[in-house]
């Protein structure tokens, strides 16, 4: 997983994991 430096701090990591994994380990 990589986030553009200009887009960091926007919670994109959290959002991506939430959308793709939901409640899975």
PDBML (XML) file of the C-alpha atoms, coordinates in Angstrom:
<?xml version="1.0" encoding="UTF-8" ?>
<PDBx:datablock datablockName="MODEL"
   xmlns:PDBx="http://pdbml.pdb.org/schema/pdbx-v50.xsd"
   xmlns:xsi="http://www.w3.org/2001/XMLSchema-instance"
   xsi:schemaLocation="http://pdbml.pdb.org/schema/pdbx-v50.xsd pdbx-v50.xsd">
   <PDBx:atom_siteCategory>
      <PDBx:atom_site id="1">
         <PDBx:B_iso_or_equiv>0.00</PDBx:B_iso_or_equiv>
         <PDBx:Cartn_x>0.000</PDBx:Cartn_x>
         <PDBx:Cartn_y>0.000</PDBx:Cartn_y>
         <PDBx:Cartn_z>0.000</PDBx:Cartn_z>
         <PDBx:auth_asym_id>A</PDBx:auth_asym_id>
         <PDBx:auth_atom_id>CA</PDBx:auth_atom_id>
         <PDBx:auth_comp_id>UNK</PDBx:auth_comp_id>
         <PDBx:auth_seq_id>1</PDBx:auth_seq_id>
         <PDBx:group_PDB>ATOM</PDBx:group_PDB>
         <PDBx:label_alt_id xsi:nil="true" />
         <PDBx:label_asym_id>A</PDBx:label_asym_id>
         <PDBx:label_atom_id>CA</PDBx:label_atom_id>
         <PDBx:label_comp_id>UNK</PDBx:label_comp_id>
         <PDBx:label_entity_id>1</PDBx:label_entity_id>
         <PDBx:label_seq_id>1</PDBx:label_seq_id>
         <PDBx:occupancy>1.00</PDBx:occupancy>
         <PDBx:pdbx_PDB_model_num>1</PDBx:pdbx_PDB_model_num>
         <PDBx:type_symbol>C</PDBx:type_symbol>
      </PDBx:atom_site>
      <PDBx:atom_site id="2">
         <PDBx:B_iso_or_equiv>0.00</PDBx:B_iso_or_equiv>
         <PDBx:Cartn_x>1.329</PDBx:Cartn_x>
         <PDBx:Cartn_y>3.403</PDBx:Cartn_y>
         <PDBx:Cartn_z>-0.949</PDBx:Cartn_z>
         <PDBx:auth_asym_id>A</PDBx:auth_asym_id>
         <PDBx:auth_atom_id>CA</PDBx:auth_atom_id>
         <PDBx:auth_comp_id>UNK</PDBx:auth_comp_id>
         <PDBx:auth_seq_id>2</PDBx:auth_seq_id>
         <PDBx:group_PDB>ATOM</PDBx:group_PDB>
         <PDBx:label_alt_id xsi:nil="true" />
         <PDBx:label_asym_id>A</PDBx:label_asym_id>
         <PDBx:label_atom_id>CA</PDBx:label_atom_id>
         <PDBx:label_comp_id>UNK</PDBx:label_comp_id>
         <PDBx:label_entity_id>1</PDBx:label_entity_id>
         <PDBx:label_seq_id>2</PDBx:label_seq_id>
         <PDBx:occupancy>1.00</PDBx:occupancy>
         <PDBx:pdbx_PDB_model_num>1</PDBx:pdbx_PDB_model_num>
         <PDBx:type_symbol>C</PDBx:type_symbol>
      </PDBx:atom_site>
      <PDBx:atom_site id="3">
         <PDBx:B_iso_or_equiv>0.00</PDBx:B_iso_or_equiv>
         <PDBx:Cartn_x>-0.158</PDBx:Cartn_x>
         <PDBx:Cartn_y>6.865</PDBx:Cartn_y>
         <PDBx:Cartn_z>-0.535</PDBx:Cartn_z>
         <PDBx:auth_asym_id>A</PDBx:auth_asym_id>
         <PDBx:auth_atom_id>CA</PDBx:auth_atom_id>
         <PDBx:auth_comp_id>UNK</PDBx:auth_comp_id>
         <PDBx:auth_seq_id>3</PDBx:auth_seq_id>
         <PDBx:group_PDB>ATOM</PDBx:group_PDB>
         <PDBx:label_alt_id xsi:nil="true" />
         <PDBx:label_asym_id>A</PDBx:label_asym_id>
         <PDBx:label_atom_id>CA</PDBx:label_atom_id>
         <PDBx:label_comp_id>UNK</PDBx:label_comp_id>
         <PDBx:label_entity_id>1</PDBx:label_entity_id>
         <PDBx:label_seq_id>3</PDBx:label_seq_id>
         <PDBx:occupancy>1.00</PDBx:occupancy>
         <PDBx:pdbx_PDB_model_num>1</PDBx:pdbx_PDB_model_num>
         <PDBx:type_symbol>C</PDBx:type_symbol>
      </PDBx:atom_site>
      <PDBx:atom_site id="4">
         <PDBx:B_iso_or_equiv>0.00</PDBx:B_iso_or_equiv>
         <PDBx:Cartn_x>1.042</PDBx:Cartn_x>
         <PDBx:Cartn_y>9.912</PDBx:Cartn_y>
         <PDBx:Cartn_z>-2.450</PDBx:Cartn_z>
         <PDBx:auth_asym_id>A</PDBx:auth_asym_id>
         <PDBx:auth_atom_id>CA</PDBx:auth_atom_id>
         <PDBx:auth_comp_id>UNK</PDBx:auth_comp_id>
         <PDBx:auth_seq_id>4</PDBx:auth_seq_id>
         <PDBx:group_PDB>ATOM</PDBx:group_PDB>
         <PDBx:label_alt_id xsi:nil="true" />
         <PDBx:label_asym_id>A</PDBx:label_asym_id>
         <PDBx:label_atom_id>CA</PDBx:label_atom_id>
         <PDBx:label_comp_id>UNK</PDBx:label_comp_id>
         <PDBx:label_entity_id>1</PDBx:label_entity_id>
         <PDBx:label_seq_id>4</PDBx:label_seq_id>
         <PDBx:occupancy>1.00</PDBx:occupancy>
         <PDBx:pdbx_PDB_model_num>1</PDBx:pdbx_PDB_model_num>
         <PDBx:type_symbol>C</PDBx:type_symbol>
      </PDBx:atom_site>
      <PDBx:atom_site id="5">
         <PDBx:B_iso_or_equiv>0.00</PDBx:B_iso_or_equiv>
         <PDBx:Cartn_x>2.960</PDBx:Cartn_x>
         <PDBx:Cartn_y>12.279</PDBx:Cartn_y>
         <PDBx:Cartn_z>-0.208</PDBx:Cartn_z>
         <PDBx:auth_asym_id>A</PDBx:auth_asym_id>
         <PDBx:auth_atom_id>CA</PDBx:auth_atom_id>
         <PDBx:auth_comp_id>UNK</PDBx:auth_comp_id>
         <PDBx:auth_seq_id>5</PDBx:auth_seq_id>
         <PDBx:group_PDB>ATOM</PDBx:group_PDB>
         <PDBx:label_alt_id xsi:nil="true" />
         <PDBx:label_asym_id>A</PDBx:label_asym_id>
         <PDBx:label_atom_id>CA</PDBx:label_atom_id>
         <PDBx:label_comp_id>UNK</PDBx:label_comp_id>
         <PDBx:label_entity_id>1</PDBx:label_entity_id>
         <PDBx:label_seq_id>5</PDBx:label_seq_id>
         <PDBx:occupancy>1.00</PDBx:occupancy>
         <PDBx:pdbx_PDB_model_num>1</PDBx:pdbx_PDB_model_num>
         <PDBx:type_symbol>C</PDBx:type_symbol>
      </PDBx:atom_site>
      <PDBx:atom_site id="6">
         <PDBx:B_iso_or_equiv>0.00</PDBx:B_iso_or_equiv>
         <PDBx:Cartn_x>0.549</PDBx:Cartn_x>
         <PDBx:Cartn_y>15.090</PDBx:Cartn_y>
         <PDBx:Cartn_z>-1.118</PDBx:Cartn_z>
         <PDBx:auth_asym_id>A</PDBx:auth_asym_id>
         <PDBx:auth_atom_id>CA</PDBx:auth_atom_id>
         <PDBx:auth_comp_id>UNK</PDBx:auth_comp_id>
         <PDBx:auth_seq_id>6</PDBx:auth_seq_id>
         <PDBx:group_PDB>ATOM</PDBx:group_PDB>
         <PDBx:label_alt_id xsi:nil="true" />
         <PDBx:label_asym_id>A</PDBx:label_asym_id>
         <PDBx:label_atom_id>CA</PDBx:label_atom_id>
         <PDBx:label_comp_id>UNK</PDBx:label_comp_id>
         <PDBx:label_entity_id>1</PDBx:label_entity_id>
         <PDBx:label_seq_id>6</PDBx:label_seq_id>
         <PDBx:occupancy>1.00</PDBx:occupancy>
         <PDBx:pdbx_PDB_model_num>1</PDBx:pdbx_PDB_model_num>
         <PDBx:type_symbol>C</PDBx:type_symbol>
      </PDBx:atom_site>
      <PDBx:atom_site id="7">
         <PDBx:B_iso_or_equiv>0.00</PDBx:B_iso_or_equiv>
         <PDBx:Cartn_x>-2.437</PDBx:Cartn_x>
         <PDBx:Cartn_y>12.979</PDBx:Cartn_y>
         <PDBx:Cartn_z>0.029</PDBx:Cartn_z>
         <PDBx:auth_asym_id>A</PDBx:auth_asym_id>
         <PDBx:auth_atom_id>CA</PDBx:auth_atom_id>
         <PDBx:auth_comp_id>UNK</PDBx:auth_comp_id>
         <PDBx:auth_seq_id>7</PDBx:auth_seq_id>
         <PDBx:group_PDB>ATOM</PDBx:group_PDB>
         <PDBx:label_alt_id xsi:nil="true" />
         <PDBx:label_asym_id>A</PDBx:label_asym_id>
         <PDBx:label_atom_id>CA</PDBx:label_atom_id>
         <PDBx:label_comp_id>UNK</PDBx:label_comp_id>
         <PDBx:label_entity_id>1</PDBx:label_entity_id>
         <PDBx:label_seq_id>7</PDBx:label_seq_id>
         <PDBx:occupancy>1.00</PDBx:occupancy>
         <PDBx:pdbx_PDB_model_num>1</PDBx:pdbx_PDB_model_num>
         <PDBx:type_symbol>C</PDBx:type_symbol>
      </PDBx:atom_site>
      <PDBx:atom_site id="8">
         <PDBx:B_iso_or_equiv>0.00</PDBx:B_iso_or_equiv>
         <PDBx:Cartn_x>-1.125</PDBx:Cartn_x>
         <PDBx:Cartn_y>11.730</PDBx:Cartn_y>
         <PDBx:Cartn_z>3.356</PDBx:Cartn_z>
         <PDBx:auth_asym_id>A</PDBx:auth_asym_id>
         <PDBx:auth_atom_id>CA</PDBx:auth_atom_id>
         <PDBx:auth_comp_id>UNK</PDBx:auth_comp_id>
         <PDBx:auth_seq_id>8</PDBx:auth_seq_id>
         <PDBx:group_PDB>ATOM</PDBx:group_PDB>
         <PDBx:label_alt_id xsi:nil="true" />
         <PDBx:label_asym_id>A</PDBx:label_asym_id>
         <PDBx:label_atom_id>CA</PDBx:label_atom_id>
         <PDBx:label_comp_id>UNK</PDBx:label_comp_id>
         <PDBx:label_entity_id>1</PDBx:label_entity_id>
         <PDBx:label_seq_id>8</PDBx:label_seq_id>
         <PDBx:occupancy>1.00</PDBx:occupancy>
         <PDBx:pdbx_PDB_model_num>1</PDBx:pdbx_PDB_model_num>
         <PDBx:type_symbol>C</PDBx:type_symbol>
      </PDBx:atom_site>
      <PDBx:atom_site id="9">
         <PDBx:B_iso_or_equiv>0.00</PDBx:B_iso_or_equiv>
         <PDBx:Cartn_x>-2.990</PDBx:Cartn_x>
         <PDBx:Cartn_y>12.551</PDBx:Cartn_y>
         <PDBx:Cartn_z>6.537</PDBx:Cartn_z>
         <PDBx:auth_asym_id>A</PDBx:auth_asym_id>
         <PDBx:auth_atom_id>CA</PDBx:auth_atom_id>
         <PDBx:auth_comp_id>UNK</PDBx:auth_comp_id>
         <PDBx:auth_seq_id>9</PDBx:auth_seq_id>
         <PDBx:group_PDB>ATOM</PDBx:group_PDB>
         <PDBx:label_alt_id xsi:nil="true" />
         <PDBx:label_asym_id>A</PDBx:label_asym_id>
         <PDBx:label_atom_id>CA</PDBx:label_atom_id>
         <PDBx:label_comp_id>UNK</PDBx:label_comp_id>
         <PDBx:label_entity_id>1</PDBx:label_entity_id>
         <PDBx:label_seq_id>9</PDBx:label_seq_id>
         <PDBx:occupancy>1.00</PDBx:occupancy>
         <PDBx:pdbx_PDB_model_num>1</PDBx:pdbx_PDB_model_num>
         <PDBx:type_symbol>C</PDBx:type_symbol>
      </PDBx:atom_site>
      <PDBx:atom_site id="10">
         <PDBx:B_iso_or_equiv>0.00</PDBx:B_iso_or_equiv>
         <PDBx:Cartn_x>-6.401</PDBx:Cartn_x>
         <PDBx:Cartn_y>12.151</PDBx:Cartn_y>
         <PDBx:Cartn_z>4.889</PDBx:Cartn_z>
         <PDBx:auth_asym_id>A</PDBx:auth_asym_id>
         <PDBx:auth_atom_id>CA</PDBx:auth_atom_id>
         <PDBx:auth_comp_id>UNK</PDBx:auth_comp_id>
         <PDBx:auth_seq_id>10</PDBx:auth_seq_id>
         <PDBx:group_PDB>ATOM</PDBx:group_PDB>
         <PDBx:label_alt_id xsi:nil="true" />
         <PDBx:label_asym_id>A</PDBx:label_asym_id>
         <PDBx:label_atom_id>CA</PDBx:label_atom_id>
         <PDBx:label_comp_id>UNK</PDBx:label_comp_id>
         <PDBx:label_entity_id>1</PDBx:label_entity_id>
         <PDBx:label_seq_id>10</PDBx:label_seq_id>
         <PDBx:occupancy>1.00</PDBx:occupancy>
         <PDBx:pdbx_PDB_model_num>1</PDBx:pdbx_PDB_model_num>
         <PDBx:type_symbol>C</PDBx:type_symbol>
      </PDBx:atom_site>
      <PDBx:atom_site id="11">
         <PDBx:B_iso_or_equiv>0.00</PDBx:B_iso_or_equiv>
         <PDBx:Cartn_x>-7.154</PDBx:Cartn_x>
         <PDBx:Cartn_y>8.699</PDBx:Cartn_y>
         <PDBx:Cartn_z>6.277</PDBx:Cartn_z>
         <PDBx:auth_asym_id>A</PDBx:auth_asym_id>
         <PDBx:auth_atom_id>CA</PDBx:auth_atom_id>
         <PDBx:auth_comp_id>UNK</PDBx:auth_comp_id>
         <PDBx:auth_seq_id>11</PDBx:auth_seq_id>
         <PDBx:group_PDB>ATOM</PDBx:group_PDB>
         <PDBx:label_alt_id xsi:nil="true" />
         <PDBx:label_asym_id>A</PDBx:label_asym_id>
         <PDBx:label_atom_id>CA</PDBx:label_atom_id>
         <PDBx:label_comp_id>UNK</PDBx:label_comp_id>
         <PDBx:label_entity_id>1</PDBx:label_entity_id>
         <PDBx:label_seq_id>11</PDBx:label_seq_id>
         <PDBx:occupancy>1.00</PDBx:occupancy>
         <PDBx:pdbx_PDB_model_num>1</PDBx:pdbx_PDB_model_num>
         <PDBx:type_symbol>C</PDBx:type_symbol>
      </PDBx:atom_site>
      <PDBx:atom_site id="12">
         <PDBx:B_iso_or_equiv>0.00</PDBx:B_iso_or_equiv>
         <PDBx:Cartn_x>-6.819</PDBx:Cartn_x>
         <PDBx:Cartn_y>6.918</PDBx:Cartn_y>
         <PDBx:Cartn_z>2.915</PDBx:Cartn_z>
         <PDBx:auth_asym_id>A</PDBx:auth_asym_id>
         <PDBx:auth_atom_id>CA</PDBx:auth_atom_id>
         <PDBx:auth_comp_id>UNK</PDBx:auth_comp_id>
         <PDBx:auth_seq_id>12</PDBx:auth_seq_id>
         <PDBx:group_PDB>ATOM</PDBx:group_PDB>
         <PDBx:label_alt_id xsi:nil="true" />
         <PDBx:label_asym_id>A</PDBx:label_asym_id>
         <PDBx:label_atom_id>CA</PDBx:label_atom_id>
         <PDBx:label_comp_id>UNK</PDBx:label_comp_id>
         <PDBx:label_entity_id>1</PDBx:label_entity_id>
         <PDBx:label_seq_id>12</PDBx:label_seq_id>
         <PDBx:occupancy>1.00</PDBx:occupancy>
         <PDBx:pdbx_PDB_model_num>1</PDBx:pdbx_PDB_model_num>
         <PDBx:type_symbol>C</PDBx:type_symbol>
      </PDBx:atom_site>
      <PDBx:atom_site id="13">
         <PDBx:B_iso_or_equiv>0.00</PDBx:B_iso_or_equiv>
         <PDBx:Cartn_x>-5.118</PDBx:Cartn_x>
         <PDBx:Cartn_y>3.909</PDBx:Cartn_y>
         <PDBx:Cartn_z>4.504</PDBx:Cartn_z>
         <PDBx:auth_asym_id>A</PDBx:auth_asym_id>
         <PDBx:auth_atom_id>CA</PDBx:auth_atom_id>
         <PDBx:auth_comp_id>UNK</PDBx:auth_comp_id>
         <PDBx:auth_seq_id>13</PDBx:auth_seq_id>
         <PDBx:group_PDB>ATOM</PDBx:group_PDB>
         <PDBx:label_alt_id xsi:nil="true" />
         <PDBx:label_asym_id>A</PDBx:label_asym_id>
         <PDBx:label_atom_id>CA</PDBx:label_atom_id>
         <PDBx:label_comp_id>UNK</PDBx:label_comp_id>
         <PDBx:label_entity_id>1</PDBx:label_entity_id>
         <PDBx:label_seq_id>13</PDBx:label_seq_id>
         <PDBx:occupancy>1.00</PDBx:occupancy>
         <PDBx:pdbx_PDB_model_num>1</PDBx:pdbx_PDB_model_num>
         <PDBx:type_symbol>C</PDBx:type_symbol>
      </PDBx:atom_site>
      <PDBx:atom_site id="14">
         <PDBx:B_iso_or_equiv>0.00</PDBx:B_iso_or_equiv>
         <PDBx:Cartn_x>-7.973</PDBx:Cartn_x>
         <PDBx:Cartn_y>3.446</PDBx:Cartn_y>
         <PDBx:Cartn_z>6.968</PDBx:Cartn_z>
         <PDBx:auth_asym_id>A</PDBx:auth_asym_id>
         <PDBx:auth_atom_id>CA</PDBx:auth_atom_id>
         <PDBx:auth_comp_id>UNK</PDBx:auth_comp_id>
         <PDBx:auth_seq_id>14</PDBx:auth_seq_id>
         <PDBx:group_PDB>ATOM</PDBx:group_PDB>
         <PDBx:label_alt_id xsi:nil="true" />
         <PDBx:label_asym_id>A</PDBx:label_asym_id>
         <PDBx:label_atom_id>CA</PDBx:label_atom_id>
         <PDBx:label_comp_id>UNK</PDBx:label_comp_id>
         <PDBx:label_entity_id>1</PDBx:label_entity_id>
         <PDBx:label_seq_id>14</PDBx:label_seq_id>
         <PDBx:occupancy>1.00</PDBx:occupancy>
         <PDBx:pdbx_PDB_model_num>1</PDBx:pdbx_PDB_model_num>
         <PDBx:type_symbol>C</PDBx:type_symbol>
      </PDBx:atom_site>
      <PDBx:atom_site id="15">
         <PDBx:B_iso_or_equiv>0.00</PDBx:B_iso_or_equiv>
         <PDBx:Cartn_x>-10.601</PDBx:Cartn_x>
         <PDBx:Cartn_y>3.935</PDBx:Cartn_y>
         <PDBx:Cartn_z>4.247</PDBx:Cartn_z>
         <PDBx:auth_asym_id>A</PDBx:auth_asym_id>
         <PDBx:auth_atom_id>CA</PDBx:auth_atom_id>
         <PDBx:auth_comp_id>UNK</PDBx:auth_comp_id>
         <PDBx:auth_seq_id>15</PDBx:auth_seq_id>
         <PDBx:group_PDB>ATOM</PDBx:group_PDB>
         <PDBx:label_alt_id xsi:nil="true" />
         <PDBx:label_asym_id>A</PDBx:label_asym_id>
         <PDBx:label_atom_id>CA</PDBx:label_atom_id>
         <PDBx:label_comp_id>UNK</PDBx:label_comp_id>
         <PDBx:label_entity_id>1</PDBx:label_entity_id>
         <PDBx:label_seq_id>15</PDBx:label_seq_id>
         <PDBx:occupancy>1.00</PDBx:occupancy>
         <PDBx:pdbx_PDB_model_num>1</PDBx:pdbx_PDB_model_num>
         <PDBx:type_symbol>C</PDBx:type_symbol>
      </PDBx:atom_site>
      <PDBx:atom_site id="16">
         <PDBx:B_iso_or_equiv>0.00</PDBx:B_iso_or_equiv>
         <PDBx:Cartn_x>-8.998</PDBx:Cartn_x>
         <PDBx:Cartn_y>1.451</PDBx:Cartn_y>
         <PDBx:Cartn_z>1.867</PDBx:Cartn_z>
         <PDBx:auth_asym_id>A</PDBx:auth_asym_id>
         <PDBx:auth_atom_id>CA</PDBx:auth_atom_id>
         <PDBx:auth_comp_id>UNK</PDBx:auth_comp_id>
         <PDBx:auth_seq_id>16</PDBx:auth_seq_id>
         <PDBx:group_PDB>ATOM</PDBx:group_PDB>
         <PDBx:label_alt_id xsi:nil="true" />
         <PDBx:label_asym_id>A</PDBx:label_asym_id>
         <PDBx:label_atom_id>CA</PDBx:label_atom_id>
         <PDBx:label_comp_id>UNK</PDBx:label_comp_id>
         <PDBx:label_entity_id>1</PDBx:label_entity_id>
         <PDBx:label_seq_id>16</PDBx:label_seq_id>
         <PDBx:occupancy>1.00</PDBx:occupancy>
         <PDBx:pdbx_PDB_model_num>1</PDBx:pdbx_PDB_model_num>
         <PDBx:type_symbol>C</PDBx:type_symbol>
      </PDBx:atom_site>
      <PDBx:atom_site id="17">
         <PDBx:B_iso_or_equiv>0.00</PDBx:B_iso_or_equiv>
         <PDBx:Cartn_x>-8.725</PDBx:Cartn_x>
         <PDBx:Cartn_y>-1.261</PDBx:Cartn_y>
         <PDBx:Cartn_z>4.514</PDBx:Cartn_z>
         <PDBx:auth_asym_id>A</PDBx:auth_asym_id>
         <PDBx:auth_atom_id>CA</PDBx:auth_atom_id>
         <PDBx:auth_comp_id>UNK</PDBx:auth_comp_id>
         <PDBx:auth_seq_id>17</PDBx:auth_seq_id>
         <PDBx:group_PDB>ATOM</PDBx:group_PDB>
         <PDBx:label_alt_id xsi:nil="true" />
         <PDBx:label_asym_id>A</PDBx:label_asym_id>
         <PDBx:label_atom_id>CA</PDBx:label_atom_id>
         <PDBx:label_comp_id>UNK</PDBx:label_comp_id>
         <PDBx:label_entity_id>1</PDBx:label_entity_id>
         <PDBx:label_seq_id>17</PDBx:label_seq_id>
         <PDBx:occupancy>1.00</PDBx:occupancy>
         <PDBx:pdbx_PDB_model_num>1</PDBx:pdbx_PDB_model_num>
         <PDBx:type_symbol>C</PDBx:type_symbol>
      </PDBx:atom_site>
      <PDBx:atom_site id="18">
         <PDBx:B_iso_or_equiv>0.00</PDBx:B_iso_or_equiv>
         <PDBx:Cartn_x>-12.283</PDBx:Cartn_x>
         <PDBx:Cartn_y>-0.611</PDBx:Cartn_y>
         <PDBx:Cartn_z>5.667</PDBx:Cartn_z>
         <PDBx:auth_asym_id>A</PDBx:auth_asym_id>
         <PDBx:auth_atom_id>CA</PDBx:auth_atom_id>
         <PDBx:auth_comp_id>UNK</PDBx:auth_comp_id>
         <PDBx:auth_seq_id>18</PDBx:auth_seq_id>
         <PDBx:group_PDB>ATOM</PDBx:group_PDB>
         <PDBx:label_alt_id xsi:nil="true" />
         <PDBx:label_asym_id>A</PDBx:label_asym_id>
         <PDBx:label_atom_id>CA</PDBx:label_atom_id>
         <PDBx:label_comp_id>UNK</PDBx:label_comp_id>
         <PDBx:label_entity_id>1</PDBx:label_entity_id>
         <PDBx:label_seq_id>18</PDBx:label_seq_id>
         <PDBx:occupancy>1.00</PDBx:occupancy>
         <PDBx:pdbx_PDB_model_num>1</PDBx:pdbx_PDB_model_num>
         <PDBx:type_symbol>C</PDBx:type_symbol>
      </PDBx:atom_site>
      <PDBx:atom_site id="19">
         <PDBx:B_iso_or_equiv>0.00</PDBx:B_iso_or_equiv>
         <PDBx:Cartn_x>-13.730</PDBx:Cartn_x>
         <PDBx:Cartn_y>-0.857</PDBx:Cartn_y>
         <PDBx:Cartn_z>2.164</PDBx:Cartn_z>
         <PDBx:auth_asym_id>A</PDBx:auth_asym_id>
         <PDBx:auth_atom_id>CA</PDBx:auth_atom_id>
         <PDBx:auth_comp_id>UNK</PDBx:auth_comp_id>
         <PDBx:auth_seq_id>19</PDBx:auth_seq_id>
         <PDBx:group_PDB>ATOM</PDBx:group_PDB>
         <PDBx:label_alt_id xsi:nil="true" />
         <PDBx:label_asym_id>A</PDBx:label_asym_id>
         <PDBx:label_atom_id>CA</PDBx:label_atom_id>
         <PDBx:label_comp_id>UNK</PDBx:label_comp_id>
         <PDBx:label_entity_id>1</PDBx:label_entity_id>
         <PDBx:label_seq_id>19</PDBx:label_seq_id>
         <PDBx:occupancy>1.00</PDBx:occupancy>
         <PDBx:pdbx_PDB_model_num>1</PDBx:pdbx_PDB_model_num>
         <PDBx:type_symbol>C</PDBx:type_symbol>
      </PDBx:atom_site>
      <PDBx:atom_site id="20">
         <PDBx:B_iso_or_equiv>0.00</PDBx:B_iso_or_equiv>
         <PDBx:Cartn_x>-11.745</PDBx:Cartn_x>
         <PDBx:Cartn_y>-3.882</PDBx:Cartn_y>
         <PDBx:Cartn_z>1.063</PDBx:Cartn_z>
         <PDBx:auth_asym_id>A</PDBx:auth_asym_id>
         <PDBx:auth_atom_id>CA</PDBx:auth_atom_id>
         <PDBx:auth_comp_id>UNK</PDBx:auth_comp_id>
         <PDBx:auth_seq_id>20</PDBx:auth_seq_id>
         <PDBx:group_PDB>ATOM</PDBx:group_PDB>
         <PDBx:label_alt_id xsi:nil="true" />
         <PDBx:label_asym_id>A</PDBx:label_asym_id>
         <PDBx:label_atom_id>CA</PDBx:label_atom_id>
         <PDBx:label_comp_id>UNK</PDBx:label_comp_id>
         <PDBx:label_entity_id>1</PDBx:label_entity_id>
         <PDBx:label_seq_id>20</PDBx:label_seq_id>
         <PDBx:occupancy>1.00</PDBx:occupancy>
         <PDBx:pdbx_PDB_model_num>1</PDBx:pdbx_PDB_model_num>
         <PDBx:type_symbol>C</PDBx:type_symbol>
      </PDBx:atom_site>
      <PDBx:atom_site id="21">
         <PDBx:B_iso_or_equiv>0.00</PDBx:B_iso_or_equiv>
         <PDBx:Cartn_x>-11.658</PDBx:Cartn_x>
         <PDBx:Cartn_y>-5.957</PDBx:Cartn_y>
         <PDBx:Cartn_z>4.249</PDBx:Cartn_z>
         <PDBx:auth_asym_id>A</PDBx:auth_asym_id>
         <PDBx:auth_atom_id>CA</PDBx:auth_atom_id>
         <PDBx:auth_comp_id>UNK</PDBx:auth_comp_id>
         <PDBx:auth_seq_id>21</PDBx:auth_seq_id>
         <PDBx:group_PDB>ATOM</PDBx:group_PDB>
         <PDBx:label_alt_id xsi:nil="true" />
         <PDBx:label_asym_id>A</PDBx:label_asym_id>
         <PDBx:label_atom_id>CA</PDBx:label_atom_id>
         <PDBx:label_comp_id>UNK</PDBx:label_comp_id>
         <PDBx:label_entity_id>1</PDBx:label_entity_id>
         <PDBx:label_seq_id>21</PDBx:label_seq_id>
         <PDBx:occupancy>1.00</PDBx:occupancy>
         <PDBx:pdbx_PDB_model_num>1</PDBx:pdbx_PDB_model_num>
         <PDBx:type_symbol>C</PDBx:type_symbol>
      </PDBx:atom_site>
      <PDBx:atom_site id="22">
         <PDBx:B_iso_or_equiv>0.00</PDBx:B_iso_or_equiv>
         <PDBx:Cartn_x>-14.579</PDBx:Cartn_x>
         <PDBx:Cartn_y>-4.926</PDBx:Cartn_y>
         <PDBx:Cartn_z>6.420</PDBx:Cartn_z>
         <PDBx:auth_asym_id>A</PDBx:auth_asym_id>
         <PDBx:auth_atom_id>CA</PDBx:auth_atom_id>
         <PDBx:auth_comp_id>UNK</PDBx:auth_comp_id>
         <PDBx:auth_seq_id>22</PDBx:auth_seq_id>
         <PDBx:group_PDB>ATOM</PDBx:group_PDB>
         <PDBx:label_alt_id xsi:nil="true" />
         <PDBx:label_asym_id>A</PDBx:label_asym_id>
         <PDBx:label_atom_id>CA</PDBx:label_atom_id>
         <PDBx:label_comp_id>UNK</PDBx:label_comp_id>
         <PDBx:label_entity_id>1</PDBx:label_entity_id>
         <PDBx:label_seq_id>22</PDBx:label_seq_id>
         <PDBx:occupancy>1.00</PDBx:occupancy>
         <PDBx:pdbx_PDB_model_num>1</PDBx:pdbx_PDB_model_num>
         <PDBx:type_symbol>C</PDBx:type_symbol>
      </PDBx:atom_site>
      <PDBx:atom_site id="23">
         <PDBx:B_iso_or_equiv>0.00</PDBx:B_iso_or_equiv>
         <PDBx:Cartn_x>-14.412</PDBx:Cartn_x>
         <PDBx:Cartn_y>-7.025</PDBx:Cartn_y>
         <PDBx:Cartn_z>9.574</PDBx:Cartn_z>
         <PDBx:auth_asym_id>A</PDBx:auth_asym_id>
         <PDBx:auth_atom_id>CA</PDBx:auth_atom_id>
         <PDBx:auth_comp_id>UNK</PDBx:auth_comp_id>
         <PDBx:auth_seq_id>23</PDBx:auth_seq_id>
         <PDBx:group_PDB>ATOM</PDBx:group_PDB>
         <PDBx:label_alt_id xsi:nil="true" />
         <PDBx:label_asym_id>A</PDBx:label_asym_id>
         <PDBx:label_atom_id>CA</PDBx:label_atom_id>
         <PDBx:label_comp_id>UNK</PDBx:label_comp_id>
         <PDBx:label_entity_id>1</PDBx:label_entity_id>
         <PDBx:label_seq_id>23</PDBx:label_seq_id>
         <PDBx:occupancy>1.00</PDBx:occupancy>
         <PDBx:pdbx_PDB_model_num>1</PDBx:pdbx_PDB_model_num>
         <PDBx:type_symbol>C</PDBx:type_symbol>
      </PDBx:atom_site>
      <PDBx:atom_site id="24">
         <PDBx:B_iso_or_equiv>0.00</PDBx:B_iso_or_equiv>
         <PDBx:Cartn_x>-12.019</PDBx:Cartn_x>
         <PDBx:Cartn_y>-9.695</PDBx:Cartn_y>
         <PDBx:Cartn_z>8.250</PDBx:Cartn_z>
         <PDBx:auth_asym_id>A</PDBx:auth_asym_id>
         <PDBx:auth_atom_id>CA</PDBx:auth_atom_id>
         <PDBx:auth_comp_id>UNK</PDBx:auth_comp_id>
         <PDBx:auth_seq_id>24</PDBx:auth_seq_id>
         <PDBx:group_PDB>ATOM</PDBx:group_PDB>
         <PDBx:label_alt_id xsi:nil="true" />
         <PDBx:label_asym_id>A</PDBx:label_asym_id>
         <PDBx:label_atom_id>CA</PDBx:label_atom_id>
         <PDBx:label_comp_id>UNK</PDBx:label_comp_id>
         <PDBx:label_entity_id>1</PDBx:label_entity_id>
         <PDBx:label_seq_id>24</PDBx:label_seq_id>
         <PDBx:occupancy>1.00</PDBx:occupancy>
         <PDBx:pdbx_PDB_model_num>1</PDBx:pdbx_PDB_model_num>
         <PDBx:type_symbol>C</PDBx:type_symbol>
      </PDBx:atom_site>
      <PDBx:atom_site id="25">
         <PDBx:B_iso_or_equiv>0.00</PDBx:B_iso_or_equiv>
         <PDBx:Cartn_x>-8.645</PDBx:Cartn_x>
         <PDBx:Cartn_y>-10.325</PDBx:Cartn_y>
         <PDBx:Cartn_z>9.886</PDBx:Cartn_z>
         <PDBx:auth_asym_id>A</PDBx:auth_asym_id>
         <PDBx:auth_atom_id>CA</PDBx:auth_atom_id>
         <PDBx:auth_comp_id>UNK</PDBx:auth_comp_id>
         <PDBx:auth_seq_id>25</PDBx:auth_seq_id>
         <PDBx:group_PDB>ATOM</PDBx:group_PDB>
         <PDBx:label_alt_id xsi:nil="true" />
         <PDBx:label_asym_id>A</PDBx:label_asym_id>
         <PDBx:label_atom_id>CA</PDBx:label_atom_id>
         <PDBx:label_comp_id>UNK</PDBx:label_comp_id>
         <PDBx:label_entity_id>1</PDBx:label_entity_id>
         <PDBx:label_seq_id>25</PDBx:label_seq_id>
         <PDBx:occupancy>1.00</PDBx:occupancy>
         <PDBx:pdbx_PDB_model_num>1</PDBx:pdbx_PDB_model_num>
         <PDBx:type_symbol>C</PDBx:type_symbol>
      </PDBx:atom_site>
   </PDBx:atom_siteCategory>
</PDBx:datablock>
